[in-house]
Amino acid sequence: MKNKIFLALVSFTIVFSSCSNEKENLEQNYKNINLTILIDLSDRISENKNPDQVEKDLYIINSVVDAFKKYLYRKGVVQSDDKIKVIFYPVNTQSIYQEIADSLHFDFEQIDLKDRKKIFSQLNEIYNKHLTTIYSIASKAKSYPGSDLFNYFKHRIVDDCILNDSRFINFLVILTDGYIYDENAKYNMGNRFSYLAPLSSHITQFRKIINWEADFDRKDFGLIKLDNDLSKLHILVAELNPPKNHPEDFDILKKYWSKWLIEQNVRKENFKIIKTDLNYLNSNIVQKFFEDVLRRNNAF
């Protein structure tokens, strides 16, 4: 009888240890995603100026959500401590903007296990429903304050987008046309600027020069350098949309953005800047960006 009890205890210990080790291995092998989606609600989404931009934005956002869900599915939703949220910029004081931002913020670590699978299965539907509402309002605005992403980076990005926790991989997806402008935040320090606008001389002068990049580098053009350490952030800047009569602006904007991000300690392989294009083409780029980052970080 004593031998049977002893054997039972040994078996229980082995099973319990096996379960514990399996859970520990799962936690070690699978990290969590901390994902922020920043939507530029400037005149780039005006139905008069760019009538197809809302559709393109929604397609990109669905691709981002799909990449997020694909990773959660791979490791198991019940094991998820992942986080996803949306930030609207410029900030709007209307309560509906705050309500919708709240409805699109999910911290799976704080969600009961029984509710995780339900939210997971409905995530695209929830995002589409609420974002369609906000885009419908924003795209019909009578005026737009601009897109002062410079001051967002200066004052908010570190607190909003980076968790200093080795269990998490931080992602920021920015939907913007690439231009940065606010009439109240327009200044420069030599050839460094707080803004990028289609008619700015530090944009237009490079349209006329064949070997403009050499001139850009030699005279140290760029956005004003910020004292940020974004080394733990992976950034996708999507939907850059230069004027049809100045397609060369994409390369100029990309040069400004790339230099700015690198100076804030974002490694070259940890950011991607893409132009507005056919939806399925950009969707493939989004999926690959997430896969590559997760693989490099040994997330699975």
C-alpha atoms as a PDB file:
ATOM      1  CA  MET A   1       0.000   0.000   0.000  1.00  0.00           C
ATOM      2  CA  LYS A   2       2.817   2.375   0.889  1.00  0.00           C
ATOM      3  CA  ASN A   3       4.509   1.579  -2.433  1.00  0.00           C
ATOM      4  CA  LYS A   4       1.304   2.433  -4.328  1.00  0.00           C
ATOM      5  CA  ILE A   5       0.982   5.761  -2.517  1.00  0.00           C
ATOM      6  CA  PHE A   6       4.645   6.525  -3.180  1.00  0.00           C
ATOM      7  CA  LEU A   7       4.287   5.697  -6.892  1.00  0.00           C
ATOM      8  CA  ALA A   8       1.157   7.869  -7.121  1.00  0.00           C
ATOM      9  CA  LEU A   9       2.976  10.802  -5.541  1.00  0.00           C
ATOM     10  CA  VAL A  10       5.930  10.351  -7.911  1.00  0.00           C
ATOM     11  CA  SER A  11       3.575  10.242 -10.924  1.00  0.00           C
ATOM     12  CA  PHE A  12       1.759  13.385  -9.774  1.00  0.00           C
ATOM     13  CA  THR A  13       5.067  15.194  -9.258  1.00  0.00           C
ATOM     14  CA  ILE A  14       6.266  14.233 -12.748  1.00  0.00           C
ATOM     15  CA  VAL A  15       3.002  15.364 -14.384  1.00  0.00           C
ATOM     16  CA  PHE A  16       2.946  18.628 -12.400  1.00  0.00           C
ATOM     17  CA  SER A  17       6.595  19.332 -13.231  1.00  0.00           C
ATOM     18  CA  SER A  18       5.948  18.543 -16.883  1.00  0.00           C
ATOM     19  CA  CYS A  19       3.010  20.988 -16.989  1.00  0.00           C
ATOM     20  CA  SER A  20       5.038  23.659 -15.199  1.00  0.00           C
ATOM     21  CA  ASN A  21       7.979  23.209 -17.544  1.00  0.00           C
ATOM     22  CA  GLU A  22       5.671  23.299 -20.558  1.00  0.00           C
ATOM     23  CA  LYS A  23       4.165  26.602 -19.353  1.00  0.00           C
ATOM     24  CA  GLU A  24       7.622  28.042 -18.621  1.00  0.00           C
ATOM     25  CA  ASN A  25       8.898  26.983 -22.054  1.00  0.00           C
ATOM     26  CA  LEU A  26       5.847  28.542 -23.714  1.00  0.00           C
ATOM     27  CA  GLU A  27       6.392  31.805 -21.878  1.00  0.00           C
ATOM     28  CA  GLN A  28      10.079  31.754 -22.815  1.00  0.00           C
ATOM     29  CA  ASN A  29       9.501  30.929 -26.497  1.00  0.00           C
ATOM     30  CA  TYR A  30       6.606  33.266 -27.149  1.00  0.00           C
ATOM     31  CA  LYS A  31       6.927  36.951 -26.413  1.00  0.00           C
ATOM     32  CA  ASN A  32       4.049  39.415 -26.430  1.00  0.00           C
ATOM     33  CA  ILE A  33       3.250  42.192 -28.885  1.00  0.00           C
ATOM     34  CA  ASN A  34       2.664  45.731 -27.679  1.00  0.00           C
ATOM     35  CA  LEU A  35       1.084  47.354 -30.740  1.00  0.00           C
ATOM     36  CA  THR A  36       0.106  50.997 -31.220  1.00  0.00           C
ATOM     37  CA  ILE A  37      -1.652  52.237 -34.364  1.00  0.00           C
ATOM     38  CA  LEU A  38      -1.340  55.997 -34.845  1.00  0.00           C
ATOM     39  CA  ILE A  39      -3.768  57.466 -37.382  1.00  0.00           C
ATOM     40  CA  ASP A  40      -3.070  60.890 -38.849  1.00  0.00           C
ATOM     41  CA  LEU A  41      -6.502  62.523 -39.208  1.00  0.00           C
ATOM     42  CA  SER A  42      -5.287  65.588 -41.091  1.00  0.00           C
ATOM     43  CA  ASP A  43      -6.626  66.671 -44.486  1.00  0.00           C
ATOM     44  CA  ARG A  44      -4.997  63.646 -46.101  1.00  0.00           C
ATOM     45  CA  ILE A  45      -8.231  61.742 -45.320  1.00  0.00           C
ATOM     46  CA  SER A  46     -10.532  64.518 -46.594  1.00  0.00           C
ATOM     47  CA  GLU A  47     -13.127  63.008 -48.919  1.00  0.00           C
ATOM     48  CA  ASN A  48     -12.689  66.010 -51.207  1.00  0.00           C
ATOM     49  CA  LYS A  49      -8.893  65.830 -51.380  1.00  0.00           C
ATOM     50  CA  ASN A  50      -8.329  62.051 -51.283  1.00  0.00           C
ATOM     51  CA  PRO A  51     -11.652  60.216 -51.675  1.00  0.00           C
ATOM     52  CA  ASP A  52     -10.046  56.749 -51.658  1.00  0.00           C
ATOM     53  CA  GLN A  53      -7.711  57.264 -48.677  1.00  0.00           C
ATOM     54  CA  VAL A  54     -10.155  56.031 -46.023  1.00  0.00           C
ATOM     55  CA  GLU A  55     -10.551  52.724 -47.821  1.00  0.00           C
ATOM     56  CA  LYS A  56      -6.785  52.379 -48.123  1.00  0.00           C
ATOM     57  CA  ASP A  57      -6.290  53.167 -44.430  1.00  0.00           C
ATOM     58  CA  LEU A  58      -8.865  50.590 -43.387  1.00  0.00           C
ATOM     59  CA  TYR A  59      -7.244  47.968 -45.592  1.00  0.00           C
ATOM     60  CA  ILE A  60      -3.818  48.616 -44.049  1.00  0.00           C
ATOM     61  CA  ILE A  61      -5.253  48.552 -40.513  1.00  0.00           C
ATOM     62  CA  ASN A  62      -6.971  45.232 -41.218  1.00  0.00           C
ATOM     63  CA  SER A  63      -3.638  43.882 -42.479  1.00  0.00           C
ATOM     64  CA  VAL A  64      -1.982  45.013 -39.236  1.00  0.00           C
ATOM     65  CA  VAL A  65      -4.737  43.415 -37.141  1.00  0.00           C
ATOM     66  CA  ASP A  66      -4.393  40.223 -39.199  1.00  0.00           C
ATOM     67  CA  ALA A  67      -0.648  40.114 -38.480  1.00  0.00           C
ATOM     68  CA  PHE A  68      -1.366  40.653 -34.773  1.00  0.00           C
ATOM     69  CA  LYS A  69      -3.988  37.868 -34.745  1.00  0.00           C
ATOM     70  CA  LYS A  70      -1.792  35.483 -36.703  1.00  0.00           C
ATOM     71  CA  TYR A  71       0.823  35.693 -33.983  1.00  0.00           C
ATOM     72  CA  LEU A  72      -1.725  35.249 -31.188  1.00  0.00           C
ATOM     73  CA  TYR A  73      -3.167  32.224 -32.972  1.00  0.00           C
ATOM     74  CA  ARG A  74       0.295  30.720 -33.321  1.00  0.00           C
ATOM     75  CA  LYS A  75       1.044  30.847 -29.605  1.00  0.00           C
ATOM     76  CA  GLY A  76      -2.522  30.343 -28.337  1.00  0.00           C
ATOM     77  CA  VAL A  77      -4.919  33.114 -27.406  1.00  0.00           C
ATOM     78  CA  VAL A  78      -5.315  31.908 -23.827  1.00  0.00           C
ATOM     79  CA  GLN A  79      -1.569  32.446 -23.328  1.00  0.00           C
ATOM     80  CA  SER A  80      -1.747  36.004 -24.642  1.00  0.00           C
ATOM     81  CA  ASP A  81      -0.630  39.044 -22.664  1.00  0.00           C
ATOM     82  CA  ASP A  82      -0.514  41.047 -25.901  1.00  0.00           C
ATOM     83  CA  LYS A  83      -1.773  44.619 -26.232  1.00  0.00           C
ATOM     84  CA  ILE A  84      -3.231  46.617 -29.116  1.00  0.00           C
ATOM     85  CA  LYS A  85      -4.522  50.198 -29.218  1.00  0.00           C
ATOM     86  CA  VAL A  86      -5.335  53.070 -31.565  1.00  0.00           C
ATOM     87  CA  ILE A  87      -4.321  56.707 -31.175  1.00  0.00           C
ATOM     88  CA  PHE A  88      -5.923  59.454 -33.249  1.00  0.00           C
ATOM     89  CA  TYR A  89      -3.754  62.402 -34.156  1.00  0.00           C
ATOM     90  CA  PRO A  90      -4.142  65.343 -34.100  1.00  0.00           C
ATOM     91  CA  VAL A  91      -5.933  65.079 -30.764  1.00  0.00           C
ATOM     92  CA  ASN A  92      -9.635  65.853 -31.010  1.00  0.00           C
ATOM     93  CA  THR A  93     -11.606  66.963 -27.958  1.00  0.00           C
ATOM     94  CA  GLN A  94     -14.901  65.464 -29.144  1.00  0.00           C
ATOM     95  CA  SER A  95     -15.934  62.727 -26.755  1.00  0.00           C
ATOM     96  CA  ILE A  96     -16.653  60.276 -29.572  1.00  0.00           C
ATOM     97  CA  TYR A  97     -12.944  60.187 -30.450  1.00  0.00           C
ATOM     98  CA  GLN A  98     -12.063  59.207 -26.890  1.00  0.00           C
ATOM     99  CA  GLU A  99     -14.897  56.667 -26.731  1.00  0.00           C
ATOM    100  CA  ILE A 100     -13.768  54.971 -29.920  1.00  0.00           C
ATOM    101  CA  ALA A 101     -10.095  55.013 -28.875  1.00  0.00           C
ATOM    102  CA  ASP A 102     -11.160  53.294 -25.635  1.00  0.00           C
ATOM    103  CA  SER A 103     -13.188  50.702 -27.549  1.00  0.00           C
ATOM    104  CA  LEU A 104     -10.138  49.840 -29.674  1.00  0.00           C
ATOM    105  CA  HIS A 105      -7.763  49.339 -26.745  1.00  0.00           C
ATOM    106  CA  PHE A 106      -7.350  45.684 -25.770  1.00  0.00           C
ATOM    107  CA  ASP A 107      -4.955  44.394 -23.133  1.00  0.00           C
ATOM    108  CA  PHE A 108      -5.310  40.611 -23.244  1.00  0.00           C
ATOM    109  CA  GLU A 109      -3.452  40.309 -19.948  1.00  0.00           C
ATOM    110  CA  GLN A 110      -6.395  42.066 -18.281  1.00  0.00           C
ATOM    111  CA  ILE A 111      -9.126  40.117 -20.119  1.00  0.00           C
ATOM    112  CA  ASP A 112     -10.694  37.029 -18.553  1.00  0.00           C
ATOM    113  CA  LEU A 113      -9.643  33.802 -20.226  1.00  0.00           C
ATOM    114  CA  LYS A 114     -13.237  33.000 -21.190  1.00  0.00           C
ATOM    115  CA  ASP A 115     -13.530  36.299 -23.082  1.00  0.00           C
ATOM    116  CA  ARG A 116     -10.214  36.211 -24.928  1.00  0.00           C
ATOM    117  CA  LYS A 117     -11.278  33.889 -27.737  1.00  0.00           C
ATOM    118  CA  LYS A 118     -14.462  35.879 -28.332  1.00  0.00           C
ATOM    119  CA  ILE A 119     -12.586  39.182 -28.624  1.00  0.00           C
ATOM    120  CA  PHE A 120      -9.920  37.529 -30.765  1.00  0.00           C
ATOM    121  CA  SER A 121     -12.511  36.235 -33.252  1.00  0.00           C
ATOM    122  CA  GLN A 122     -14.280  39.611 -33.431  1.00  0.00           C
ATOM    123  CA  LEU A 123     -11.241  41.897 -33.500  1.00  0.00           C
ATOM    124  CA  ASN A 124     -11.435  42.840 -37.197  1.00  0.00           C
ATOM    125  CA  GLU A 125     -15.174  43.383 -36.956  1.00  0.00           C
ATOM    126  CA  ILE A 126     -14.778  45.636 -33.894  1.00  0.00           C
ATOM    127  CA  TYR A 127     -12.031  47.673 -35.544  1.00  0.00           C
ATOM    128  CA  ASN A 128     -13.918  48.061 -38.826  1.00  0.00           C
ATOM    129  CA  LYS A 129     -17.120  49.141 -37.127  1.00  0.00           C
ATOM    130  CA  HIS A 130     -15.589  51.843 -34.925  1.00  0.00           C
ATOM    131  CA  LEU A 131     -12.993  53.090 -37.383  1.00  0.00           C
ATOM    132  CA  THR A 132     -15.598  53.445 -40.127  1.00  0.00           C
ATOM    133  CA  THR A 133     -17.533  55.691 -37.759  1.00  0.00           C
ATOM    134  CA  ILE A 134     -14.584  57.909 -36.902  1.00  0.00           C
ATOM    135  CA  TYR A 135     -13.347  58.154 -40.486  1.00  0.00           C
ATOM    136  CA  SER A 136     -16.828  59.099 -41.608  1.00  0.00           C
ATOM    137  CA  ILE A 137     -16.785  62.032 -39.203  1.00  0.00           C
ATOM    138  CA  ALA A 138     -13.162  63.088 -39.758  1.00  0.00           C
ATOM    139  CA  SER A 139     -13.240  62.894 -43.558  1.00  0.00           C
ATOM    140  CA  LYS A 140     -16.103  65.395 -43.686  1.00  0.00           C
ATOM    141  CA  ALA A 141     -14.473  67.984 -41.410  1.00  0.00           C
ATOM    142  CA  LYS A 142     -14.681  71.597 -42.559  1.00  0.00           C
ATOM    143  CA  SER A 143     -11.117  72.338 -41.455  1.00  0.00           C
ATOM    144  CA  TYR A 144      -8.026  70.406 -40.398  1.00  0.00           C
ATOM    145  CA  PRO A 145      -5.388  71.561 -37.886  1.00  0.00           C
ATOM    146  CA  GLY A 146      -2.529  69.747 -39.617  1.00  0.00           C
ATOM    147  CA  SER A 147      -0.429  66.789 -38.505  1.00  0.00           C
ATOM    148  CA  ASP A 148       2.127  67.848 -35.935  1.00  0.00           C
ATOM    149  CA  LEU A 149       3.764  64.441 -35.660  1.00  0.00           C
ATOM    150  CA  PHE A 150       6.988  66.205 -34.707  1.00  0.00           C
ATOM    151  CA  ASN A 151       5.561  67.146 -31.310  1.00  0.00           C
ATOM    152  CA  TYR A 152       3.983  63.717 -30.921  1.00  0.00           C
ATOM    153  CA  PHE A 153       7.466  62.234 -31.193  1.00  0.00           C
ATOM    154  CA  LYS A 154       8.875  64.948 -28.961  1.00  0.00           C
ATOM    155  CA  HIS A 155       6.384  64.583 -26.110  1.00  0.00           C
ATOM    156  CA  ARG A 156       4.410  61.338 -26.364  1.00  0.00           C
ATOM    157  CA  ILE A 157       5.971  58.490 -28.315  1.00  0.00           C
ATOM    158  CA  VAL A 158       8.136  56.971 -25.570  1.00  0.00           C
ATOM    159  CA  ASP A 159       5.365  56.907 -22.956  1.00  0.00           C
ATOM    160  CA  ASP A 160       2.665  55.792 -25.391  1.00  0.00           C
ATOM    161  CA  CYS A 161       4.465  53.147 -27.383  1.00  0.00           C
ATOM    162  CA  ILE A 162       7.327  51.562 -25.441  1.00  0.00           C
ATOM    163  CA  LEU A 163       7.105  49.005 -22.658  1.00  0.00           C
ATOM    164  CA  ASN A 164      10.508  48.449 -21.045  1.00  0.00           C
ATOM    165  CA  ASP A 165       9.719  44.817 -20.404  1.00  0.00           C
ATOM    166  CA  SER A 166      11.675  42.003 -22.067  1.00  0.00           C
ATOM    167  CA  ARG A 167       8.442  40.013 -22.450  1.00  0.00           C
ATOM    168  CA  PHE A 168       7.170  42.499 -25.040  1.00  0.00           C
ATOM    169  CA  ILE A 169       8.058  43.537 -28.577  1.00  0.00           C
ATOM    170  CA  ASN A 170       6.962  47.116 -29.250  1.00  0.00           C
ATOM    171  CA  PHE A 171       5.396  48.048 -32.580  1.00  0.00           C
ATOM    172  CA  LEU A 172       4.183  51.427 -33.833  1.00  0.00           C
ATOM    173  CA  VAL A 173       2.242  51.691 -37.098  1.00  0.00           C
ATOM    174  CA  ILE A 174       1.769  55.257 -38.381  1.00  0.00           C
ATOM    175  CA  LEU A 175      -0.735  56.027 -41.124  1.00  0.00           C
ATOM    176  CA  THR A 176       0.275  59.343 -42.657  1.00  0.00           C
ATOM    177  CA  ASP A 177       0.943  60.972 -46.023  1.00  0.00           C
ATOM    178  CA  GLY A 178       4.450  61.727 -44.743  1.00  0.00           C
ATOM    179  CA  TYR A 179       4.054  65.477 -44.428  1.00  0.00           C
ATOM    180  CA  ILE A 180       4.366  67.033 -40.966  1.00  0.00           C
ATOM    181  CA  TYR A 181       2.870  70.431 -40.353  1.00  0.00           C
ATOM    182  CA  ASP A 182       1.264  72.636 -37.731  1.00  0.00           C
ATOM    183  CA  GLU A 183       1.230  76.403 -38.076  1.00  0.00           C
ATOM    184  CA  ASN A 184       1.973  76.735 -34.345  1.00  0.00           C
ATOM    185  CA  ALA A 185       4.960  74.371 -34.462  1.00  0.00           C
ATOM    186  CA  LYS A 186       6.838  75.679 -37.482  1.00  0.00           C
ATOM    187  CA  TYR A 187      10.486  76.453 -36.782  1.00  0.00           C
ATOM    188  CA  ASN A 188      13.991  75.470 -37.785  1.00  0.00           C
ATOM    189  CA  MET A 189      17.571  75.277 -36.518  1.00  0.00           C
ATOM    190  CA  GLY A 190      19.751  75.811 -39.568  1.00  0.00           C
ATOM    191  CA  ASN A 191      18.796  73.116 -42.066  1.00  0.00           C
ATOM    192  CA  ARG A 192      16.881  71.150 -39.446  1.00  0.00           C
ATOM    193  CA  PHE A 193      13.112  71.623 -39.368  1.00  0.00           C
ATOM    194  CA  SER A 194      10.093  70.766 -37.220  1.00  0.00           C
ATOM    195  CA  TYR A 195       7.851  70.404 -40.258  1.00  0.00           C
ATOM    196  CA  LEU A 196       7.583  69.012 -43.781  1.00  0.00           C
ATOM    197  CA  ALA A 197       5.038  70.556 -46.139  1.00  0.00           C
ATOM    198  CA  PRO A 198       4.584  70.231 -49.925  1.00  0.00           C
ATOM    199  CA  LEU A 199       5.469  73.888 -50.511  1.00  0.00           C
ATOM    200  CA  SER A 200       8.320  74.118 -47.980  1.00  0.00           C
ATOM    201  CA  SER A 201      11.594  75.239 -49.563  1.00  0.00           C
ATOM    202  CA  HIS A 202      13.414  72.344 -47.896  1.00  0.00           C
ATOM    203  CA  ILE A 203      11.166  70.046 -49.938  1.00  0.00           C
ATOM    204  CA  THR A 204      10.794  71.939 -53.212  1.00  0.00           C
ATOM    205  CA  GLN A 205      14.506  72.685 -53.700  1.00  0.00           C
ATOM    206  CA  PHE A 206      15.332  68.990 -53.924  1.00  0.00           C
ATOM    207  CA  ARG A 207      12.781  68.454 -56.685  1.00  0.00           C
ATOM    208  CA  LYS A 208      15.047  70.379 -59.051  1.00  0.00           C
ATOM    209  CA  ILE A 209      18.350  68.617 -58.323  1.00  0.00           C
ATOM    210  CA  ILE A 210      19.327  65.304 -59.926  1.00  0.00           C
ATOM    211  CA  ASN A 211      21.933  64.369 -57.297  1.00  0.00           C
ATOM    212  CA  TRP A 212      19.901  65.872 -54.450  1.00  0.00           C
ATOM    213  CA  GLU A 213      20.825  63.284 -51.805  1.00  0.00           C
ATOM    214  CA  ALA A 214      24.477  64.343 -51.827  1.00  0.00           C
ATOM    215  CA  ASP A 215      23.399  67.939 -51.261  1.00  0.00           C
ATOM    216  CA  PHE A 216      20.993  66.821 -48.524  1.00  0.00           C
ATOM    217  CA  ASP A 217      23.747  64.978 -46.663  1.00  0.00           C
ATOM    218  CA  ARG A 218      26.489  67.571 -47.195  1.00  0.00           C
ATOM    219  CA  LYS A 219      24.367  70.425 -45.825  1.00  0.00           C
ATOM    220  CA  ASP A 220      22.896  68.258 -43.046  1.00  0.00           C
ATOM    221  CA  PHE A 221      19.239  68.718 -43.915  1.00  0.00           C
ATOM    222  CA  GLY A 222      16.738  66.874 -41.761  1.00  0.00           C
ATOM    223  CA  LEU A 223      14.094  67.094 -39.102  1.00  0.00           C
ATOM    224  CA  ILE A 224      15.254  68.503 -35.785  1.00  0.00           C
ATOM    225  CA  LYS A 225      16.943  65.750 -33.820  1.00  0.00           C
ATOM    226  CA  LEU A 226      15.070  64.655 -30.706  1.00  0.00           C
ATOM    227  CA  ASP A 227      16.552  63.208 -27.539  1.00  0.00           C
ATOM    228  CA  ASN A 228      14.621  59.949 -27.809  1.00  0.00           C
ATOM    229  CA  ASP A 229      15.839  56.390 -27.415  1.00  0.00           C
ATOM    230  CA  LEU A 230      13.544  54.379 -29.667  1.00  0.00           C
ATOM    231  CA  SER A 231      15.872  51.382 -29.886  1.00  0.00           C
ATOM    232  CA  LYS A 232      13.132  49.144 -28.480  1.00  0.00           C
ATOM    233  CA  LEU A 233      10.526  50.290 -30.998  1.00  0.00           C
ATOM    234  CA  HIS A 234       9.728  48.821 -34.429  1.00  0.00           C
ATOM    235  CA  ILE A 235       8.060  51.366 -36.688  1.00  0.00           C
ATOM    236  CA  LEU A 236       6.028  50.977 -39.866  1.00  0.00           C
ATOM    237  CA  VAL A 237       5.194  54.275 -41.610  1.00  0.00           C
ATOM    238  CA  ALA A 238       2.503  53.603 -44.204  1.00  0.00           C
ATOM    239  CA  GLU A 239       0.547  55.402 -46.902  1.00  0.00           C
ATOM    240  CA  LEU A 240       3.048  58.127 -47.812  1.00  0.00           C
ATOM    241  CA  ASN A 241       1.195  59.960 -50.526  1.00  0.00           C
ATOM    242  CA  PRO A 242       3.074  62.640 -52.513  1.00  0.00           C
ATOM    243  CA  PRO A 243       1.191  64.931 -54.924  1.00  0.00           C
ATOM    244  CA  LYS A 244       0.551  63.380 -58.337  1.00  0.00           C
ATOM    245  CA  ASN A 245       2.543  66.154 -59.992  1.00  0.00           C
ATOM    246  CA  HIS A 246       5.511  65.590 -57.653  1.00  0.00           C
ATOM    247  CA  PRO A 247       6.009  61.833 -57.214  1.00  0.00           C
ATOM    248  CA  GLU A 248       9.663  62.526 -56.361  1.00  0.00           C
ATOM    249  CA  ASP A 249       8.462  63.775 -52.971  1.00  0.00           C
ATOM    250  CA  PHE A 250       8.217  60.171 -51.798  1.00  0.00           C
ATOM    251  CA  ASP A 251      11.993  59.750 -51.938  1.00  0.00           C
ATOM    252  CA  ILE A 252      12.530  63.151 -50.295  1.00  0.00           C
ATOM    253  CA  LEU A 253      10.079  62.394 -47.491  1.00  0.00           C
ATOM    254  CA  LYS A 254      11.557  58.935 -47.022  1.00  0.00           C
ATOM    255  CA  LYS A 255      15.017  60.497 -46.684  1.00  0.00           C
ATOM    256  CA  TYR A 256      13.809  62.926 -43.993  1.00  0.00           C
ATOM    257  CA  TRP A 257      11.896  60.239 -42.076  1.00  0.00           C
ATOM    258  CA  SER A 258      14.695  57.651 -42.272  1.00  0.00           C
ATOM    259  CA  LYS A 259      17.351  60.054 -41.022  1.00  0.00           C
ATOM    260  CA  TRP A 260      15.060  61.203 -38.207  1.00  0.00           C
ATOM    261  CA  LEU A 261      14.252  57.678 -37.038  1.00  0.00           C
ATOM    262  CA  ILE A 262      17.883  56.540 -37.176  1.00  0.00           C
ATOM    263  CA  GLU A 263      18.910  59.570 -35.104  1.00  0.00           C
ATOM    264  CA  GLN A 264      16.394  58.404 -32.488  1.00  0.00           C
ATOM    265  CA  ASN A 265      18.165  55.037 -32.327  1.00  0.00           C
ATOM    266  CA  VAL A 266      15.741  53.062 -34.483  1.00  0.00           C
ATOM    267  CA  ARG A 267      17.841  50.454 -36.288  1.00  0.00           C
ATOM    268  CA  LYS A 268      17.476  50.367 -40.074  1.00  0.00           C
ATOM    269  CA  GLU A 269      16.000  46.879 -40.051  1.00  0.00           C
ATOM    270  CA  ASN A 270      13.453  47.941 -37.421  1.00  0.00           C
ATOM    271  CA  PHE A 271      11.552  50.447 -39.535  1.00  0.00           C
ATOM    272  CA  LYS A 272       9.831  50.418 -42.889  1.00  0.00           C
ATOM    273  CA  ILE A 273       8.445  53.327 -44.900  1.00  0.00           C
ATOM    274  CA  ILE A 274       5.949  52.529 -47.642  1.00  0.00           C
ATOM    275  CA  LYS A 275       4.129  54.535 -50.264  1.00  0.00           C
ATOM    276  CA  THR A 276       0.400  54.322 -50.876  1.00  0.00           C
ATOM    277  CA  ASP A 277      -0.165  51.663 -53.528  1.00  0.00           C
ATOM    278  CA  LEU A 278      -2.423  48.789 -54.473  1.00  0.00           C
ATOM    279  CA  ASN A 279      -3.972  47.456 -51.285  1.00  0.00           C
ATOM    280  CA  TYR A 280      -2.825  43.857 -51.600  1.00  0.00           C
ATOM    281  CA  LEU A 281       0.769  44.903 -52.335  1.00  0.00           C
ATOM    282  CA  ASN A 282       1.024  46.973 -49.168  1.00  0.00           C
ATOM    283  CA  SER A 283      -0.755  44.251 -47.210  1.00  0.00           C
ATOM    284  CA  ASN A 284       2.021  41.819 -48.154  1.00  0.00           C
ATOM    285  CA  ILE A 285       4.649  44.333 -46.984  1.00  0.00           C
ATOM    286  CA  VAL A 286       2.860  44.737 -43.642  1.00  0.00           C
ATOM    287  CA  GLN A 287       2.695  40.987 -43.071  1.00  0.00           C
ATOM    288  CA  LYS A 288       6.376  40.522 -43.957  1.00  0.00           C
ATOM    289  CA  PHE A 289       7.465  43.396 -41.703  1.00  0.00           C
ATOM    290  CA  PHE A 290       5.772  41.825 -38.676  1.00  0.00           C
ATOM    291  CA  GLU A 291       7.048  38.334 -39.495  1.00  0.00           C
ATOM    292  CA  ASP A 292      10.633  39.545 -39.926  1.00  0.00           C
ATOM    293  CA  VAL A 293      10.645  41.530 -36.671  1.00  0.00           C
ATOM    294  CA  LEU A 294       9.146  38.672 -34.683  1.00  0.00           C
ATOM    295  CA  ARG A 295      11.614  36.214 -36.149  1.00  0.00           C
ATOM    296  CA  ARG A 296      14.619  38.434 -35.415  1.00  0.00           C
ATOM    297  CA  ASN A 297      13.425  38.782 -31.818  1.00  0.00           C
ATOM    298  CA  ASN A 298      13.066  34.999 -31.420  1.00  0.00           C
ATOM    299  CA  ALA A 299       9.397  35.505 -30.638  1.00  0.00           C
ATOM    300  CA  PHE A 300       8.490  31.994 -31.805  1.00  0.00           C
END
